[in-house]
Amino acid sequence: MLFEENIDGYLYSTDKDKLQFDVIHSYLSNDSYWAQGISPDILRRSIENSECFGIYKGSEQIGFARVVTDKATFGYLGDVFVLEPHRGKGLSKNLMAFLLKHPELQGFRRWMLLTRDAQELYSKFGFIKFHAPDRCMELWFPDVYQKEAATKK
């Protein structure tokens, strides 16, 4: 379902045809702390299998987020970023408000995300620390993208 809104001169859109893969890959693989070295193939698959949100100023993509979801009960928010020259303008807040009102992402029992440094932003939208952290478990492979890159050399 295409979902778009113009807010303060920026277009927020779920149109995957508008996504600028090179912008997304460059940021995630080089500048993010969570996806350093992610390969184009893995990123492509993650985009294909997620609900994606882009922020655009004219024809330039300047922000991104994706939600991994069954569109019924659960959403995992990840890969959220706004490019450095566009930060400090409230774009992340607008992006969060936009994606949380997406018609196909309503009524979930649980939303989740992981962040090292943006708790203040997400708390404004109702996110809290894990309700029951003793119930949460994970399989964690922090160097998976670097290992994949090393095996391809």
N, C-alpha and C. Protein backbone atom coordinates (compact mmCIF):
# COMPACT_ATOMS: atom_id res chain seq x y z
N MET A 1 0.84 -1.18 0.00
CA MET A 1 0.00 0.00 0.00
C MET A 1 0.89 1.25 0.00
N LEU A 2 0.69 2.10 -0.97
CA LEU A 2 1.43 3.35 -1.03
C LEU A 2 0.88 4.33 0.00
N PHE A 3 1.78 4.89 0.77
CA PHE A 3 1.41 5.83 1.83
C PHE A 3 2.40 6.97 1.75
N GLU A 4 1.90 8.20 1.56
CA GLU A 4 2.79 9.36 1.41
C GLU A 4 2.19 10.57 2.11
N GLU A 5 3.11 11.46 2.53
CA GLU A 5 2.68 12.71 3.13
C GLU A 5 3.79 13.74 2.97
N ASN A 6 3.40 14.96 2.64
CA ASN A 6 4.34 16.08 2.61
C ASN A 6 4.26 16.80 3.95
N ILE A 7 5.41 16.94 4.59
CA ILE A 7 5.48 17.62 5.88
C ILE A 7 6.62 18.62 5.83
N ASP A 8 6.31 19.89 5.97
CA ASP A 8 7.33 20.95 6.02
C ASP A 8 8.33 20.89 4.87
N GLY A 9 7.84 20.63 3.67
CA GLY A 9 8.71 20.63 2.49
C GLY A 9 9.46 19.34 2.24
N TYR A 10 9.18 18.30 3.00
CA TYR A 10 9.81 16.99 2.81
C TYR A 10 8.72 15.98 2.49
N LEU A 11 9.02 15.06 1.59
CA LEU A 11 8.10 13.98 1.26
C LEU A 11 8.48 12.75 2.08
N TYR A 12 7.51 12.18 2.76
CA TYR A 12 7.66 10.92 3.49
C TYR A 12 6.86 9.89 2.70
N SER A 13 7.49 8.78 2.33
CA SER A 13 6.83 7.85 1.41
C SER A 13 7.24 6.40 1.67
N THR A 14 6.29 5.50 1.37
CA THR A 14 6.58 4.06 1.42
C THR A 14 6.83 3.50 0.02
N ASP A 15 6.93 4.35 -0.98
CA ASP A 15 7.13 3.91 -2.36
C ASP A 15 8.55 3.37 -2.52
N LYS A 16 8.68 2.05 -2.67
CA LYS A 16 10.01 1.45 -2.80
C LYS A 16 10.69 1.86 -4.11
N ASP A 17 9.91 2.25 -5.11
CA ASP A 17 10.52 2.71 -6.36
C ASP A 17 11.28 4.02 -6.18
N LYS A 18 10.96 4.77 -5.15
CA LYS A 18 11.66 6.04 -4.89
C LYS A 18 12.97 5.83 -4.10
N LEU A 19 13.10 4.68 -3.43
CA LEU A 19 14.29 4.46 -2.60
C LEU A 19 15.56 4.55 -3.43
N GLN A 20 16.55 5.22 -2.90
CA GLN A 20 17.85 5.37 -3.55
C GLN A 20 18.82 4.43 -2.85
N PHE A 21 18.93 3.23 -3.42
CA PHE A 21 19.68 2.15 -2.78
C PHE A 21 21.10 2.57 -2.42
N ASP A 22 21.77 3.29 -3.30
CA ASP A 22 23.16 3.69 -3.02
C ASP A 22 23.26 4.59 -1.79
N VAL A 23 22.28 5.47 -1.60
CA VAL A 23 22.27 6.35 -0.42
C VAL A 23 22.10 5.51 0.84
N ILE A 24 21.14 4.59 0.80
CA ILE A 24 20.86 3.75 1.97
C ILE A 24 22.07 2.87 2.28
N HIS A 25 22.61 2.21 1.26
CA HIS A 25 23.74 1.31 1.48
C HIS A 25 24.96 2.07 1.98
N SER A 26 25.25 3.20 1.41
CA SER A 26 26.41 3.99 1.85
C SER A 26 26.29 4.35 3.32
N TYR A 27 25.12 4.83 3.73
CA TYR A 27 24.97 5.21 5.13
C TYR A 27 25.10 3.98 6.04
N LEU A 28 24.34 2.95 5.75
CA LEU A 28 24.34 1.79 6.65
C LEU A 28 25.69 1.11 6.71
N SER A 29 26.34 0.91 5.58
CA SER A 29 27.60 0.16 5.58
C SER A 29 28.79 0.97 6.06
N ASN A 30 28.72 2.30 5.94
CA ASN A 30 29.87 3.13 6.31
C ASN A 30 29.67 3.98 7.56
N ASP A 31 28.46 4.48 7.78
CA ASP A 31 28.25 5.48 8.84
C ASP A 31 27.47 4.97 10.05
N SER A 32 26.67 3.94 9.88
CA SER A 32 25.88 3.45 11.02
C SER A 32 26.77 2.66 11.96
N TYR A 33 26.37 2.56 13.22
CA TYR A 33 27.12 1.72 14.15
C TYR A 33 26.59 0.30 14.15
N TRP A 34 25.42 0.06 13.58
CA TRP A 34 24.76 -1.24 13.70
C TRP A 34 24.88 -2.11 12.46
N ALA A 35 25.24 -1.55 11.32
CA ALA A 35 25.25 -2.36 10.09
C ALA A 35 26.54 -2.15 9.29
N GLN A 36 27.63 -1.85 9.98
CA GLN A 36 28.92 -1.64 9.32
C GLN A 36 29.23 -2.83 8.40
N GLY A 37 29.53 -2.53 7.15
CA GLY A 37 29.94 -3.56 6.21
C GLY A 37 28.82 -4.40 5.62
N ILE A 38 27.57 -4.02 5.85
CA ILE A 38 26.47 -4.81 5.29
C ILE A 38 26.61 -4.87 3.77
N SER A 39 26.45 -6.05 3.21
CA SER A 39 26.63 -6.21 1.76
C SER A 39 25.39 -5.70 1.02
N PRO A 40 25.58 -5.33 -0.23
CA PRO A 40 24.43 -4.92 -1.04
C PRO A 40 23.36 -6.01 -1.12
N ASP A 41 23.78 -7.28 -1.23
CA ASP A 41 22.80 -8.37 -1.33
C ASP A 41 21.94 -8.48 -0.08
N ILE A 42 22.56 -8.43 1.08
CA ILE A 42 21.80 -8.54 2.33
C ILE A 42 20.88 -7.34 2.49
N LEU A 43 21.38 -6.15 2.19
CA LEU A 43 20.53 -4.97 2.30
C LEU A 43 19.35 -5.06 1.34
N ARG A 44 19.60 -5.51 0.12
CA ARG A 44 18.52 -5.63 -0.86
C ARG A 44 17.42 -6.57 -0.34
N ARG A 45 17.83 -7.71 0.21
CA ARG A 45 16.85 -8.65 0.76
C ARG A 45 16.08 -8.05 1.93
N SER A 46 16.78 -7.28 2.77
CA SER A 46 16.10 -6.68 3.93
C SER A 46 15.06 -5.66 3.47
N ILE A 47 15.37 -4.91 2.43
CA ILE A 47 14.42 -3.93 1.88
C ILE A 47 13.23 -4.64 1.24
N GLU A 48 13.51 -5.69 0.46
CA GLU A 48 12.44 -6.42 -0.22
C GLU A 48 11.44 -7.01 0.77
N ASN A 49 11.90 -7.38 1.96
CA ASN A 49 11.07 -8.09 2.92
C ASN A 49 10.65 -7.23 4.10
N SER A 50 10.67 -5.93 3.93
CA SER A 50 10.28 -5.00 4.99
C SER A 50 9.36 -3.92 4.43
N GLU A 51 8.65 -3.28 5.31
CA GLU A 51 7.91 -2.06 4.96
C GLU A 51 8.92 -0.92 5.10
N CYS A 52 9.19 -0.21 4.03
CA CYS A 52 10.25 0.81 4.02
C CYS A 52 9.67 2.21 3.92
N PHE A 53 10.38 3.14 4.53
CA PHE A 53 9.96 4.53 4.61
C PHE A 53 11.14 5.41 4.20
N GLY A 54 10.92 6.27 3.23
CA GLY A 54 11.95 7.20 2.81
C GLY A 54 11.54 8.64 3.10
N ILE A 55 12.55 9.47 3.32
CA ILE A 55 12.34 10.93 3.43
C ILE A 55 13.07 11.55 2.25
N TYR A 56 12.41 12.47 1.57
CA TYR A 56 12.97 13.08 0.36
C TYR A 56 12.86 14.59 0.42
N LYS A 57 13.92 15.24 0.00
CA LYS A 57 13.93 16.69 -0.22
C LYS A 57 14.13 16.86 -1.71
N GLY A 58 13.06 17.21 -2.41
CA GLY A 58 13.13 17.20 -3.87
C GLY A 58 13.34 15.77 -4.33
N SER A 59 14.34 15.56 -5.18
CA SER A 59 14.63 14.22 -5.68
C SER A 59 15.68 13.48 -4.84
N GLU A 60 16.15 14.11 -3.79
CA GLU A 60 17.23 13.53 -2.97
C GLU A 60 16.67 12.79 -1.75
N GLN A 61 17.06 11.52 -1.60
CA GLN A 61 16.68 10.79 -0.39
C GLN A 61 17.61 11.20 0.74
N ILE A 62 17.02 11.61 1.87
CA ILE A 62 17.83 12.10 2.99
C ILE A 62 17.55 11.35 4.29
N GLY A 63 16.64 10.36 4.25
CA GLY A 63 16.36 9.58 5.44
C GLY A 63 15.70 8.27 5.09
N PHE A 64 15.68 7.36 6.07
CA PHE A 64 15.18 6.01 5.82
C PHE A 64 14.82 5.35 7.14
N ALA A 65 13.89 4.43 7.08
CA ALA A 65 13.59 3.51 8.18
C ALA A 65 12.89 2.31 7.56
N ARG A 66 12.94 1.20 8.27
CA ARG A 66 12.17 0.05 7.81
C ARG A 66 11.55 -0.66 8.99
N VAL A 67 10.43 -1.32 8.71
CA VAL A 67 9.72 -2.08 9.73
C VAL A 67 9.60 -3.52 9.24
N VAL A 68 10.09 -4.44 10.05
CA VAL A 68 9.92 -5.87 9.80
C VAL A 68 8.64 -6.26 10.53
N THR A 69 7.67 -6.80 9.80
CA THR A 69 6.36 -7.00 10.41
C THR A 69 5.55 -8.09 9.73
N ASP A 70 4.61 -8.65 10.49
CA ASP A 70 3.60 -9.54 9.92
C ASP A 70 2.33 -8.76 9.57
N LYS A 71 2.33 -7.46 9.86
CA LYS A 71 1.21 -6.54 9.61
C LYS A 71 -0.06 -6.93 10.36
N ALA A 72 0.12 -7.66 11.47
CA ALA A 72 -1.03 -8.05 12.27
C ALA A 72 -0.77 -7.89 13.76
N THR A 73 0.41 -8.32 14.23
CA THR A 73 0.64 -8.37 15.67
C THR A 73 1.92 -7.70 16.13
N PHE A 74 2.91 -7.53 15.24
CA PHE A 74 4.25 -7.17 15.69
C PHE A 74 4.97 -6.33 14.65
N GLY A 75 5.75 -5.37 15.11
CA GLY A 75 6.61 -4.60 14.23
C GLY A 75 7.96 -4.36 14.88
N TYR A 76 9.02 -4.58 14.11
CA TYR A 76 10.37 -4.30 14.57
C TYR A 76 10.92 -3.15 13.73
N LEU A 77 11.24 -2.06 14.37
CA LEU A 77 11.75 -0.87 13.69
C LEU A 77 13.26 -0.92 13.63
N GLY A 78 13.82 -0.70 12.45
CA GLY A 78 15.27 -0.74 12.32
C GLY A 78 15.77 0.16 11.21
N ASP A 79 17.09 0.30 11.18
CA ASP A 79 17.80 1.05 10.13
C ASP A 79 17.30 2.47 9.96
N VAL A 80 16.99 3.12 11.06
CA VAL A 80 16.47 4.49 11.03
C VAL A 80 17.64 5.46 10.95
N PHE A 81 17.59 6.35 9.95
CA PHE A 81 18.62 7.40 9.88
C PHE A 81 18.13 8.60 9.10
N VAL A 82 18.73 9.74 9.41
CA VAL A 82 18.61 10.97 8.64
C VAL A 82 20.04 11.40 8.35
N LEU A 83 20.33 11.72 7.11
CA LEU A 83 21.69 12.12 6.75
C LEU A 83 22.11 13.38 7.51
N GLU A 84 23.37 13.44 7.85
CA GLU A 84 23.93 14.49 8.72
C GLU A 84 23.52 15.92 8.35
N PRO A 85 23.60 16.33 7.09
CA PRO A 85 23.26 17.73 6.78
C PRO A 85 21.80 18.10 7.07
N HIS A 86 20.95 17.10 7.27
CA HIS A 86 19.52 17.35 7.46
C HIS A 86 19.06 17.12 8.89
N ARG A 87 19.98 16.82 9.77
CA ARG A 87 19.62 16.56 11.17
C ARG A 87 19.31 17.86 11.90
N GLY A 88 18.59 17.74 13.00
CA GLY A 88 18.25 18.90 13.82
C GLY A 88 17.06 19.68 13.32
N LYS A 89 16.31 19.11 12.37
CA LYS A 89 15.15 19.79 11.80
C LYS A 89 13.83 19.09 12.15
N GLY A 90 13.89 18.11 13.05
CA GLY A 90 12.69 17.39 13.44
C GLY A 90 12.27 16.30 12.47
N LEU A 91 13.15 15.94 11.54
CA LEU A 91 12.78 14.95 10.53
C LEU A 91 12.59 13.55 11.11
N SER A 92 13.41 13.18 12.09
CA SER A 92 13.24 11.87 12.73
C SER A 92 11.90 11.79 13.45
N LYS A 93 11.53 12.86 14.12
CA LYS A 93 10.23 12.89 14.80
C LYS A 93 9.10 12.77 13.78
N ASN A 94 9.20 13.51 12.70
CA ASN A 94 8.17 13.43 11.66
C ASN A 94 8.12 12.03 11.04
N LEU A 95 9.29 11.42 10.83
CA LEU A 95 9.34 10.07 10.28
C LEU A 95 8.65 9.08 11.21
N MET A 96 8.93 9.18 12.49
CA MET A 96 8.29 8.29 13.46
C MET A 96 6.77 8.48 13.47
N ALA A 97 6.33 9.72 13.50
CA ALA A 97 4.88 9.99 13.50
C ALA A 97 4.25 9.43 12.23
N PHE A 98 4.92 9.62 11.10
CA PHE A 98 4.41 9.13 9.81
C PHE A 98 4.30 7.61 9.81
N LEU A 99 5.36 6.93 10.18
CA LEU A 99 5.32 5.47 10.08
C LEU A 99 4.37 4.85 11.10
N LEU A 100 4.24 5.47 12.26
CA LEU A 100 3.33 4.92 13.27
C LEU A 100 1.86 5.11 12.93
N LYS A 101 1.56 5.98 11.96
CA LYS A 101 0.16 6.12 11.54
C LYS A 101 -0.14 5.40 10.22
N HIS A 102 0.83 4.65 9.72
CA HIS A 102 0.60 3.86 8.50
C HIS A 102 -0.60 2.93 8.74
N PRO A 103 -1.58 2.95 7.84
CA PRO A 103 -2.81 2.18 8.06
C PRO A 103 -2.59 0.67 8.24
N GLU A 104 -1.56 0.11 7.62
CA GLU A 104 -1.32 -1.33 7.73
C GLU A 104 -0.48 -1.70 8.95
N LEU A 105 -0.09 -0.72 9.75
CA LEU A 105 0.75 -0.98 10.92
C LEU A 105 0.03 -0.59 12.21
N GLN A 106 -1.26 -0.82 12.24
CA GLN A 106 -2.07 -0.44 13.40
C GLN A 106 -2.49 -1.68 14.19
N GLY A 107 -2.71 -1.48 15.49
CA GLY A 107 -3.26 -2.53 16.34
C GLY A 107 -2.29 -3.60 16.78
N PHE A 108 -1.00 -3.35 16.61
CA PHE A 108 -0.01 -4.35 17.02
C PHE A 108 -0.01 -4.53 18.53
N ARG A 109 0.28 -5.73 18.94
CA ARG A 109 0.46 -6.00 20.37
C ARG A 109 1.80 -5.45 20.84
N ARG A 110 2.79 -5.51 19.96
CA ARG A 110 4.12 -5.07 20.37
C ARG A 110 4.90 -4.48 19.19
N TRP A 111 5.58 -3.39 19.48
CA TRP A 111 6.61 -2.81 18.62
C TRP A 111 7.93 -2.98 19.36
N MET A 112 9.00 -3.20 18.63
CA MET A 112 10.33 -3.28 19.25
C MET A 112 11.34 -2.51 18.41
N LEU A 113 12.41 -2.13 19.06
CA LEU A 113 13.56 -1.55 18.38
C LEU A 113 14.76 -1.68 19.31
N LEU A 114 15.92 -1.53 18.73
CA LEU A 114 17.16 -1.47 19.50
C LEU A 114 17.85 -0.18 19.13
N THR A 115 18.35 0.53 20.13
CA THR A 115 19.08 1.78 19.87
C THR A 115 20.13 1.99 20.94
N ARG A 116 21.24 2.53 20.53
CA ARG A 116 22.31 2.85 21.47
C ARG A 116 22.15 4.25 22.02
N ASP A 117 21.57 5.16 21.22
CA ASP A 117 21.65 6.57 21.59
C ASP A 117 20.40 7.41 21.31
N ALA A 118 19.30 6.79 20.94
CA ALA A 118 18.12 7.59 20.58
C ALA A 118 16.90 7.27 21.45
N GLN A 119 17.14 6.84 22.68
CA GLN A 119 16.04 6.52 23.58
C GLN A 119 15.10 7.72 23.77
N GLU A 120 15.66 8.90 23.86
CA GLU A 120 14.84 10.10 24.08
C GLU A 120 13.84 10.30 22.94
N LEU A 121 14.31 10.13 21.70
CA LEU A 121 13.41 10.25 20.55
C LEU A 121 12.27 9.24 20.65
N TYR A 122 12.61 7.98 20.82
CA TYR A 122 11.60 6.93 20.78
C TYR A 122 10.66 6.99 21.98
N SER A 123 11.14 7.44 23.12
CA SER A 123 10.27 7.54 24.29
C SER A 123 9.13 8.54 24.05
N LYS A 124 9.36 9.53 23.19
CA LYS A 124 8.31 10.50 22.86
C LYS A 124 7.13 9.84 22.14
N PHE A 125 7.37 8.65 21.60
CA PHE A 125 6.33 7.92 20.89
C PHE A 125 5.83 6.71 21.67
N GLY A 126 6.15 6.69 22.97
CA GLY A 126 5.63 5.64 23.84
C GLY A 126 6.52 4.44 24.04
N PHE A 127 7.67 4.40 23.37
CA PHE A 127 8.59 3.28 23.57
C PHE A 127 9.17 3.36 24.98
N ILE A 128 9.28 2.21 25.61
CA ILE A 128 9.84 2.10 26.96
C ILE A 128 10.91 1.01 26.95
N LYS A 129 11.71 0.97 28.02
CA LYS A 129 12.64 -0.15 28.17
C LYS A 129 11.81 -1.42 28.23
N PHE A 130 12.42 -2.56 27.92
CA PHE A 130 11.68 -3.81 27.90
C PHE A 130 10.83 -3.95 29.15
N HIS A 131 9.56 -4.23 28.93
CA HIS A 131 8.61 -4.42 30.03
C HIS A 131 9.08 -5.54 30.96
N ALA A 132 9.58 -6.61 30.38
CA ALA A 132 10.06 -7.76 31.16
C ALA A 132 11.38 -8.23 30.55
N PRO A 133 12.48 -7.54 30.85
CA PRO A 133 13.75 -7.88 30.21
C PRO A 133 14.20 -9.31 30.48
N ASP A 134 13.76 -9.89 31.59
CA ASP A 134 14.15 -11.26 31.88
C ASP A 134 13.49 -12.25 30.92
N ARG A 135 12.51 -11.81 30.15
CA ARG A 135 11.85 -12.67 29.17
C ARG A 135 12.47 -12.54 27.78
N CYS A 136 13.31 -11.56 27.58
CA CYS A 136 13.87 -11.29 26.26
C CYS A 136 15.17 -12.06 26.08
N MET A 137 15.30 -12.67 24.92
CA MET A 137 16.52 -13.39 24.58
C MET A 137 16.86 -13.05 23.13
N GLU A 138 18.09 -13.30 22.77
CA GLU A 138 18.51 -13.02 21.40
C GLU A 138 19.62 -13.96 20.98
N LEU A 139 19.73 -14.16 19.70
CA LEU A 139 20.92 -14.71 19.08
C LEU A 139 21.64 -13.50 18.51
N TRP A 140 22.87 -13.28 18.86
CA TRP A 140 23.56 -12.05 18.47
C TRP A 140 24.88 -12.38 17.79
N PHE A 141 25.05 -11.90 16.59
CA PHE A 141 26.25 -12.11 15.79
C PHE A 141 26.76 -10.74 15.34
N PRO A 142 27.46 -10.02 16.21
CA PRO A 142 27.80 -8.62 15.92
C PRO A 142 28.72 -8.41 14.73
N ASP A 143 29.49 -9.40 14.34
CA ASP A 143 30.44 -9.23 13.24
C ASP A 143 30.02 -9.97 11.97
N VAL A 144 28.76 -10.30 11.85
CA VAL A 144 28.31 -11.12 10.74
C VAL A 144 28.61 -10.49 9.37
N TYR A 145 28.47 -9.19 9.23
CA TYR A 145 28.70 -8.55 7.93
C TYR A 145 30.18 -8.52 7.59
N GLN A 146 31.03 -8.31 8.58
CA GLN A 146 32.47 -8.31 8.34
C GLN A 146 32.95 -9.72 7.97
N LYS A 147 32.40 -10.74 8.64
CA LYS A 147 32.79 -12.12 8.33
C LYS A 147 32.36 -12.49 6.92
N GLU A 148 31.16 -12.07 6.52
CA GLU A 148 30.69 -12.35 5.17
C GLU A 148 31.61 -11.69 4.14
N ALA A 149 31.99 -10.45 4.39
CA ALA A 149 32.87 -9.73 3.46
C ALA A 149 34.23 -10.41 3.37
N ALA A 150 34.75 -10.89 4.50
CA ALA A 150 36.06 -11.54 4.51
C ALA A 150 36.05 -12.85 3.72
N THR A 151 34.94 -13.59 3.76
CA THR A 151 34.87 -14.86 3.03
C THR A 151 34.75 -14.65 1.53
N LYS A 152 34.33 -13.46 1.11
CA LYS A 152 34.18 -13.17 -0.33
C LYS A 152 35.46 -12.65 -0.95
N LYS A 153 36.48 -12.38 -0.12
CA LYS A 153 37.75 -11.85 -0.66
C LYS A 153 38.62 -12.95 -1.19
